[in-house]
Amino acid sequence: MIPSGAVARDWLLPLAGLLLIGGMARVYMLRTVPVWNQAKTPLTFLVTGLLLGGMLTLALLATLSWRQYIVATWAALAVVLCLEVLGRA
């Protein structure tokens, strides 16, 4: 039997995470910095948060074949960094 607190936690924590990512993206959308005041700023925050959260999850869940998860984590990190660099060019 699943405790009732676990069900609330299963949807409440991801919702809180998305709200926090959205709040941080809004902080960066300043009129004084035109590069940040674009529609891609919240999208970049959301994609980066999802990718980094996925990588952290993979890293924490790696038990038996941890080498595969580590390689996948570094590969995903490399993709995120490349996208960030290309987005600034």
Protein backbone atom coordinates (compact mmCIF):
# COMPACT_ATOMS: atom_id res chain seq x y z
CA MET A 1 0.00 0.00 0.00
CA ILE A 2 1.30 3.44 -0.96
CA PRO A 3 1.25 6.05 1.82
CA SER A 4 -0.93 9.05 1.05
CA GLY A 5 2.03 11.44 1.48
CA ALA A 6 3.92 9.66 -1.29
CA VAL A 7 1.14 10.34 -3.82
CA ALA A 8 1.11 14.04 -2.96
CA ARG A 9 4.90 14.16 -3.15
CA ASP A 10 4.91 12.48 -6.57
CA TRP A 11 3.15 15.42 -8.23
CA LEU A 12 3.91 18.25 -5.82
CA LEU A 13 7.72 18.15 -6.05
CA PRO A 14 7.89 18.19 -9.88
CA LEU A 15 5.34 21.01 -9.94
CA ALA A 16 7.39 23.00 -7.42
CA GLY A 17 10.52 22.39 -9.52
CA LEU A 18 8.84 23.67 -12.67
CA LEU A 19 7.56 26.74 -10.83
CA LEU A 20 11.03 27.47 -9.48
CA ILE A 21 12.59 27.11 -12.94
CA GLY A 22 9.93 29.42 -14.37
CA GLY A 23 10.55 31.96 -11.62
CA MET A 24 14.28 31.96 -12.24
CA ALA A 25 13.70 32.40 -15.97
CA ARG A 26 11.47 35.41 -15.26
CA VAL A 27 14.20 36.94 -13.11
CA TYR A 28 16.59 36.75 -16.06
CA MET A 29 14.12 38.36 -18.50
CA LEU A 30 15.22 41.93 -17.84
CA ARG A 31 14.52 44.81 -20.19
CA THR A 32 17.94 46.23 -19.42
CA VAL A 33 19.60 43.11 -20.89
CA PRO A 34 18.02 42.67 -24.34
CA VAL A 35 19.78 39.34 -24.98
CA TRP A 36 17.99 37.78 -22.00
CA ASN A 37 14.63 39.45 -22.70
CA GLN A 38 13.61 36.92 -25.32
CA ALA A 39 11.24 33.97 -25.54
CA LYS A 40 14.15 31.53 -25.61
CA THR A 41 15.21 32.40 -22.05
CA PRO A 42 12.45 30.42 -20.28
CA LEU A 43 12.78 27.64 -22.85
CA THR A 44 16.52 27.41 -22.22
CA PHE A 45 15.94 27.26 -18.46
CA LEU A 46 13.31 24.54 -18.85
CA VAL A 47 15.39 22.38 -21.22
CA THR A 48 18.52 22.77 -19.11
CA GLY A 49 16.60 21.88 -15.94
CA LEU A 50 15.05 18.80 -17.54
CA LEU A 51 18.35 17.58 -18.96
CA LEU A 52 20.33 18.19 -15.78
CA GLY A 53 17.57 16.63 -13.68
CA GLY A 54 17.56 13.60 -15.95
CA MET A 55 21.32 13.29 -15.75
CA LEU A 56 21.24 13.53 -11.97
CA THR A 57 18.52 10.90 -11.83
CA LEU A 58 20.52 8.58 -14.06
CA ALA A 59 23.63 9.12 -11.96
CA LEU A 60 21.79 8.39 -8.72
CA LEU A 61 20.00 5.32 -10.07
CA ALA A 62 23.12 3.76 -11.53
CA THR A 63 23.64 0.59 -9.55
CA LEU A 64 24.62 -2.41 -11.66
CA SER A 65 25.93 -0.96 -14.90
CA TRP A 66 26.99 2.43 -13.59
CA ARG A 67 29.57 2.94 -16.33
CA GLN A 68 26.83 3.14 -18.97
CA TYR A 69 24.95 5.73 -16.95
CA ILE A 70 28.08 7.81 -16.40
CA VAL A 71 28.83 7.81 -20.14
CA ALA A 72 25.24 8.79 -20.92
CA THR A 73 25.36 11.55 -18.31
CA TRP A 74 28.56 13.04 -19.71
CA ALA A 75 27.23 12.78 -23.25
CA ALA A 76 24.04 14.61 -22.30
CA LEU A 77 26.09 17.27 -20.49
CA ALA A 78 28.21 17.73 -23.61
CA VAL A 79 25.04 18.19 -25.69
CA VAL A 80 23.72 20.81 -23.25
CA LEU A 81 27.00 22.72 -23.32
CA CYS A 82 27.14 22.62 -27.12
CA LEU A 83 23.58 23.92 -27.36
CA GLU A 84 24.39 26.73 -24.96
CA VAL A 85 27.51 27.72 -26.88
CA LEU A 86 25.71 27.58 -30.23
CA GLY A 87 22.83 29.60 -28.83
CA ARG A 88 25.20 32.40 -27.83
CA ALA A 89 26.94 32.56 -31.19
